[in-house]
N, C-alpha and C. Protein backbone atom coordinates (compact mmCIF):
# COMPACT_ATOMS: atom_id res chain seq x y z
N MET A 1 45.65 11.17 139.65
CA MET A 1 44.28 11.61 139.74
C MET A 1 44.01 12.62 138.63
N ALA A 2 42.95 12.41 137.90
CA ALA A 2 42.58 13.33 136.83
C ALA A 2 42.08 14.64 137.43
N ASP A 3 42.36 15.72 136.76
CA ASP A 3 41.95 17.03 137.23
C ASP A 3 40.95 17.62 136.25
N PRO A 4 39.66 17.64 136.60
CA PRO A 4 38.67 18.19 135.68
C PRO A 4 38.80 19.69 135.47
N ALA A 5 39.55 20.38 136.32
CA ALA A 5 39.74 21.83 136.16
C ALA A 5 40.96 22.17 135.31
N LEU A 6 41.71 21.18 134.91
CA LEU A 6 42.96 21.40 134.16
C LEU A 6 42.75 22.28 132.93
N LYS A 7 41.65 22.11 132.23
CA LYS A 7 41.41 22.85 130.99
C LYS A 7 41.29 24.36 131.20
N TYR A 8 41.08 24.78 132.45
CA TYR A 8 40.94 26.22 132.73
C TYR A 8 42.28 26.90 132.99
N PHE A 9 43.31 26.12 133.20
CA PHE A 9 44.64 26.67 133.46
C PHE A 9 45.42 26.80 132.16
N SER A 10 46.24 27.81 132.06
CA SER A 10 47.07 28.02 130.89
C SER A 10 47.92 26.77 130.63
N SER A 11 48.14 26.48 129.36
CA SER A 11 49.00 25.34 129.01
C SER A 11 50.44 25.61 129.43
N LYS A 12 50.75 26.85 129.77
CA LYS A 12 52.10 27.19 130.24
C LYS A 12 52.32 26.81 131.70
N VAL A 13 51.26 26.46 132.42
CA VAL A 13 51.37 26.09 133.83
C VAL A 13 51.77 24.63 133.94
N SER A 14 52.94 24.39 134.51
CA SER A 14 53.43 23.02 134.67
C SER A 14 52.81 22.39 135.92
N ASP A 15 52.98 21.08 136.05
CA ASP A 15 52.52 20.39 137.26
C ASP A 15 53.23 20.96 138.49
N ARG A 16 54.48 21.32 138.35
CA ARG A 16 55.22 21.92 139.45
C ARG A 16 54.59 23.27 139.84
N ASP A 17 54.30 24.09 138.85
CA ASP A 17 53.64 25.37 139.10
C ASP A 17 52.31 25.16 139.82
N ARG A 18 51.56 24.20 139.36
CA ARG A 18 50.24 23.95 139.93
C ARG A 18 50.34 23.46 141.37
N ALA A 19 51.32 22.62 141.66
CA ALA A 19 51.51 22.13 143.03
C ALA A 19 51.82 23.30 143.96
N VAL A 20 52.67 24.22 143.51
CA VAL A 20 53.01 25.40 144.32
C VAL A 20 51.77 26.28 144.48
N PHE A 21 51.01 26.46 143.42
CA PHE A 21 49.77 27.25 143.47
C PHE A 21 48.80 26.67 144.51
N GLU A 22 48.60 25.37 144.46
CA GLU A 22 47.68 24.71 145.40
C GLU A 22 48.18 24.84 146.85
N ALA A 23 49.49 24.77 147.03
CA ALA A 23 50.05 24.94 148.38
C ALA A 23 49.80 26.36 148.89
N GLY A 24 49.93 27.34 148.01
CA GLY A 24 49.66 28.72 148.39
C GLY A 24 48.21 28.93 148.79
N ILE A 25 47.30 28.28 148.07
CA ILE A 25 45.89 28.37 148.42
C ILE A 25 45.67 27.78 149.82
N ALA A 26 46.31 26.66 150.10
CA ALA A 26 46.15 26.02 151.41
C ALA A 26 46.65 26.91 152.53
N ILE A 27 47.80 27.55 152.36
CA ILE A 27 48.34 28.45 153.38
C ILE A 27 47.41 29.65 153.55
N GLY A 28 46.95 30.22 152.46
CA GLY A 28 46.04 31.35 152.53
C GLY A 28 44.74 30.99 153.23
N THR A 29 44.22 29.82 152.94
CA THR A 29 43.01 29.35 153.61
C THR A 29 43.23 29.24 155.10
N LEU A 30 44.35 28.64 155.48
CA LEU A 30 44.65 28.47 156.90
C LEU A 30 44.64 29.80 157.63
N VAL A 31 45.33 30.79 157.10
CA VAL A 31 45.45 32.09 157.77
C VAL A 31 44.13 32.86 157.74
N HIS A 32 43.51 32.96 156.58
CA HIS A 32 42.38 33.87 156.44
C HIS A 32 41.03 33.25 156.81
N GLN A 33 40.93 31.95 156.73
CA GLN A 33 39.67 31.31 157.09
C GLN A 33 39.56 31.06 158.59
N PHE A 34 40.69 30.78 159.24
CA PHE A 34 40.62 30.30 160.62
C PHE A 34 41.11 31.28 161.67
N SER A 35 41.67 32.39 161.28
CA SER A 35 42.03 33.42 162.27
C SER A 35 40.76 33.99 162.85
N GLY A 36 40.77 34.23 164.15
CA GLY A 36 39.63 34.85 164.81
C GLY A 36 38.71 33.89 165.53
N ILE A 37 38.97 32.59 165.47
CA ILE A 37 38.13 31.63 166.18
C ILE A 37 38.30 31.84 167.69
N PRO A 38 37.21 32.00 168.43
CA PRO A 38 37.32 32.17 169.88
C PRO A 38 37.81 30.88 170.55
N VAL A 39 38.69 31.03 171.53
CA VAL A 39 39.23 29.89 172.28
C VAL A 39 39.13 30.23 173.77
N LYS A 40 38.50 29.36 174.53
CA LYS A 40 38.33 29.60 175.96
C LYS A 40 39.02 28.54 176.82
N ARG A 41 38.99 27.28 176.37
CA ARG A 41 39.51 26.17 177.17
C ARG A 41 40.57 25.38 176.40
N ARG A 42 41.46 24.75 177.11
CA ARG A 42 42.52 23.94 176.51
C ARG A 42 41.93 22.88 175.58
N GLU A 43 40.84 22.23 175.97
CA GLU A 43 40.25 21.17 175.14
C GLU A 43 39.68 21.72 173.83
N ASP A 44 39.37 23.01 173.80
CA ASP A 44 38.90 23.63 172.54
C ASP A 44 39.98 23.53 171.46
N ILE A 45 41.22 23.64 171.86
CA ILE A 45 42.32 23.65 170.89
C ILE A 45 42.38 22.35 170.11
N ASP A 46 42.18 21.22 170.79
CA ASP A 46 42.21 19.93 170.09
C ASP A 46 41.08 19.83 169.06
N VAL A 47 39.90 20.30 169.43
CA VAL A 47 38.75 20.26 168.53
C VAL A 47 39.00 21.18 167.33
N ILE A 48 39.48 22.38 167.60
CA ILE A 48 39.75 23.34 166.52
C ILE A 48 40.83 22.82 165.59
N ARG A 49 41.92 22.28 166.16
CA ARG A 49 43.01 21.72 165.34
C ARG A 49 42.48 20.65 164.40
N GLU A 50 41.68 19.73 164.93
CA GLU A 50 41.14 18.65 164.11
C GLU A 50 40.21 19.18 163.02
N ALA A 51 39.37 20.16 163.35
CA ALA A 51 38.47 20.74 162.35
C ALA A 51 39.25 21.43 161.24
N ILE A 52 40.30 22.16 161.60
CA ILE A 52 41.11 22.84 160.60
C ILE A 52 41.79 21.81 159.70
N LYS A 53 42.38 20.79 160.30
CA LYS A 53 43.06 19.76 159.50
C LYS A 53 42.10 19.10 158.52
N ARG A 54 40.93 18.72 159.00
CA ARG A 54 39.95 18.07 158.13
C ARG A 54 39.51 18.99 157.01
N SER A 55 39.32 20.25 157.33
CA SER A 55 38.91 21.22 156.32
C SER A 55 39.97 21.36 155.23
N LEU A 56 41.22 21.52 155.64
CA LEU A 56 42.30 21.67 154.65
C LEU A 56 42.47 20.41 153.81
N LEU A 57 42.31 19.24 154.42
CA LEU A 57 42.45 17.99 153.69
C LEU A 57 41.30 17.76 152.72
N SER A 58 40.21 18.50 152.89
CA SER A 58 39.07 18.38 151.97
C SER A 58 39.34 19.07 150.64
N GLN A 59 40.30 19.98 150.62
CA GLN A 59 40.63 20.70 149.39
C GLN A 59 41.38 19.77 148.43
N PRO A 60 41.30 20.06 147.13
CA PRO A 60 41.95 19.19 146.14
C PRO A 60 43.47 19.07 146.32
N PHE A 61 43.96 17.86 146.13
CA PHE A 61 45.38 17.54 146.03
C PHE A 61 46.15 17.68 147.34
N ARG A 62 45.46 17.75 148.47
CA ARG A 62 46.14 17.81 149.76
C ARG A 62 46.46 16.40 150.22
N GLU A 63 47.70 16.16 150.61
CA GLU A 63 48.12 14.84 151.11
C GLU A 63 48.11 14.77 152.63
N SER A 64 48.63 15.80 153.27
CA SER A 64 48.70 15.76 154.72
C SER A 64 48.77 17.17 155.29
N VAL A 65 48.36 17.27 156.55
CA VAL A 65 48.42 18.53 157.29
C VAL A 65 48.93 18.23 158.69
N GLU A 66 50.00 18.89 159.07
CA GLU A 66 50.49 18.87 160.45
C GLU A 66 50.24 20.27 160.99
N LEU A 67 49.63 20.34 162.17
CA LEU A 67 49.26 21.65 162.71
C LEU A 67 49.41 21.68 164.22
N ASP A 68 50.17 22.65 164.69
CA ASP A 68 50.26 22.95 166.12
C ASP A 68 49.64 24.32 166.32
N LEU A 69 48.86 24.43 167.39
CA LEU A 69 48.27 25.71 167.76
C LEU A 69 48.82 26.09 169.13
N ASN A 70 49.61 27.15 169.14
CA ASN A 70 50.27 27.59 170.37
C ASN A 70 49.52 28.80 170.94
N VAL A 71 48.45 28.51 171.65
CA VAL A 71 47.56 29.54 172.16
C VAL A 71 47.65 29.58 173.68
N GLN A 72 47.79 30.79 174.23
CA GLN A 72 47.75 30.97 175.67
C GLN A 72 46.29 31.06 176.10
N ILE A 73 45.86 30.14 176.92
CA ILE A 73 44.47 30.12 177.40
C ILE A 73 44.35 31.07 178.58
N PRO A 74 43.32 31.93 178.58
CA PRO A 74 43.13 32.84 179.72
C PRO A 74 42.90 32.05 181.01
N SER A 75 43.40 32.58 182.11
CA SER A 75 43.28 31.88 183.39
C SER A 75 42.04 32.31 184.18
N SER A 76 41.38 33.32 183.75
CA SER A 76 40.20 33.84 184.45
C SER A 76 38.97 32.97 184.19
N ASP A 77 38.09 32.90 185.18
CA ASP A 77 36.83 32.17 185.02
C ASP A 77 35.71 33.08 184.51
N SER A 78 36.02 34.32 184.22
CA SER A 78 35.02 35.26 183.76
C SER A 78 34.39 34.76 182.46
N PRO A 79 33.08 34.94 182.29
CA PRO A 79 32.44 34.53 181.04
C PRO A 79 32.96 35.32 179.83
N TYR A 80 33.62 36.43 180.09
CA TYR A 80 34.15 37.27 179.01
C TYR A 80 35.63 37.02 178.74
N SER A 81 36.17 36.06 179.43
CA SER A 81 37.60 35.78 179.30
C SER A 81 37.83 34.67 178.27
N TYR A 82 38.30 35.09 177.11
CA TYR A 82 38.68 34.14 176.07
C TYR A 82 39.71 34.84 175.19
N THR A 83 40.32 34.08 174.32
CA THR A 83 41.24 34.66 173.35
C THR A 83 40.77 34.25 171.96
N THR A 84 41.43 34.74 170.95
CA THR A 84 41.10 34.33 169.58
C THR A 84 42.34 33.78 168.90
N LEU A 85 42.13 32.82 168.05
CA LEU A 85 43.21 32.22 167.28
C LEU A 85 43.75 33.24 166.28
N LYS A 86 45.06 33.38 166.26
CA LYS A 86 45.72 34.29 165.33
C LYS A 86 46.74 33.51 164.51
N ALA A 87 47.12 34.08 163.39
CA ALA A 87 48.11 33.43 162.54
C ALA A 87 49.39 33.12 163.30
N ARG A 88 49.80 34.01 164.19
CA ARG A 88 51.05 33.78 164.92
C ARG A 88 50.96 32.58 165.87
N HIS A 89 49.76 32.08 166.14
CA HIS A 89 49.59 30.89 166.98
C HIS A 89 49.74 29.60 166.17
N MET A 90 49.77 29.70 164.86
CA MET A 90 49.75 28.53 163.98
C MET A 90 51.15 28.13 163.54
N ASP A 91 51.41 26.86 163.62
CA ASP A 91 52.64 26.28 163.06
C ASP A 91 52.19 25.09 162.23
N ALA A 92 52.24 25.24 160.92
CA ALA A 92 51.65 24.24 160.03
C ALA A 92 52.62 23.80 158.95
N ARG A 93 52.46 22.57 158.57
CA ARG A 93 53.16 22.00 157.42
C ARG A 93 52.08 21.29 156.59
N ILE A 94 51.90 21.76 155.36
CA ILE A 94 50.86 21.22 154.47
C ILE A 94 51.54 20.62 153.25
N THR A 95 51.20 19.37 152.97
CA THR A 95 51.79 18.68 151.82
C THR A 95 50.73 18.55 150.73
N VAL A 96 51.12 18.99 149.54
CA VAL A 96 50.26 18.97 148.35
C VAL A 96 50.96 18.14 147.30
N LYS A 97 50.21 17.28 146.61
CA LYS A 97 50.78 16.54 145.49
C LYS A 97 49.92 16.80 144.26
N TYR A 98 50.59 17.26 143.21
CA TYR A 98 49.92 17.48 141.94
C TYR A 98 50.81 16.90 140.85
N GLY A 99 50.26 16.00 140.05
CA GLY A 99 51.06 15.36 139.01
C GLY A 99 52.24 14.65 139.64
N ASN A 100 53.43 14.95 139.13
CA ASN A 100 54.65 14.32 139.62
C ASN A 100 55.40 15.19 140.63
N TYR A 101 54.70 16.13 141.26
CA TYR A 101 55.37 17.03 142.21
C TYR A 101 54.66 17.04 143.55
N ARG A 102 55.46 17.07 144.56
CA ARG A 102 54.98 17.21 145.94
C ARG A 102 55.60 18.48 146.50
N VAL A 103 54.76 19.33 147.06
CA VAL A 103 55.21 20.59 147.66
C VAL A 103 54.87 20.54 149.15
N ILE A 104 55.84 20.89 149.95
CA ILE A 104 55.62 21.02 151.39
C ILE A 104 55.67 22.51 151.70
N ALA A 105 54.50 23.02 152.10
CA ALA A 105 54.37 24.44 152.43
C ALA A 105 54.35 24.57 153.95
N ARG A 106 54.86 25.67 154.42
CA ARG A 106 54.97 25.89 155.87
C ARG A 106 54.41 27.25 156.22
N LEU A 107 53.78 27.32 157.37
CA LEU A 107 53.34 28.57 157.95
C LEU A 107 53.78 28.56 159.40
N ARG A 108 54.53 29.59 159.79
CA ARG A 108 54.93 29.68 161.20
C ARG A 108 55.40 31.10 161.50
N TYR A 109 55.31 31.43 162.76
CA TYR A 109 55.76 32.73 163.22
C TYR A 109 57.29 32.73 163.27
N ILE A 110 57.91 33.74 162.68
CA ILE A 110 59.37 33.89 162.66
C ILE A 110 59.71 35.10 163.54
N PRO A 111 60.23 34.88 164.75
CA PRO A 111 60.53 36.01 165.64
C PRO A 111 61.45 37.05 165.01
N GLU A 112 62.45 36.60 164.26
CA GLU A 112 63.40 37.51 163.62
C GLU A 112 62.70 38.51 162.69
N LEU A 113 61.62 38.06 162.06
CA LEU A 113 60.85 38.91 161.15
C LEU A 113 59.67 39.57 161.86
N ASP A 114 59.34 39.08 163.05
CA ASP A 114 58.11 39.47 163.76
C ASP A 114 56.93 39.35 162.81
N TYR A 115 56.85 38.18 162.18
CA TYR A 115 55.85 37.97 161.13
C TYR A 115 55.56 36.47 161.02
N THR A 116 54.30 36.16 160.73
CA THR A 116 53.93 34.77 160.45
C THR A 116 54.10 34.56 158.95
N LEU A 117 55.10 33.78 158.59
CA LEU A 117 55.50 33.62 157.20
C LEU A 117 54.97 32.32 156.62
N GLY A 118 54.33 32.42 155.46
CA GLY A 118 54.00 31.24 154.67
C GLY A 118 55.07 31.09 153.61
N TYR A 119 55.60 29.88 153.48
CA TYR A 119 56.69 29.69 152.51
C TYR A 119 56.75 28.24 152.04
N ILE A 120 57.48 28.01 150.96
CA ILE A 120 57.70 26.67 150.44
C ILE A 120 58.92 26.09 151.13
N GLU A 121 58.71 25.02 151.86
CA GLU A 121 59.80 24.37 152.58
C GLU A 121 60.55 23.38 151.69
N ASP A 122 59.82 22.73 150.77
CA ASP A 122 60.47 21.77 149.90
C ASP A 122 59.60 21.51 148.67
N ILE A 123 60.26 21.19 147.56
CA ILE A 123 59.57 20.73 146.35
C ILE A 123 60.28 19.46 145.92
N GLN A 124 59.49 18.42 145.70
CA GLN A 124 60.07 17.12 145.32
C GLN A 124 59.42 16.63 144.02
N GLU A 125 60.24 16.09 143.15
CA GLU A 125 59.70 15.40 141.99
C GLU A 125 59.53 13.95 142.39
N VAL A 126 58.32 13.42 142.20
CA VAL A 126 58.03 12.06 142.66
C VAL A 126 57.62 11.16 141.51
């Protein structure tokens, strides 16, 4: 696929660099765009998951998105009883392909770090 934005990137940026860059944008989008969404019912999670996946796949060079949302739904019937989606609820694997490189980026909560870590799980030359 031709990239009309290629001319704006330094000639020192390789296809591998660009694939990693695009994967980082996808992880950043996931965390910063979608944290804070109110969740009240179990069925909301399926709708939210699908909307997030479609949104991420709309960005350039995205091949696939796997996303689990591990949210505890409040048990109260109160109209004020809801929770919000947080990064620690997200377990995602986003695949980006740019040029001859495929990058698999991951976002998940790591208990050992007590942190939701975005990282490169794999880089493949294709």
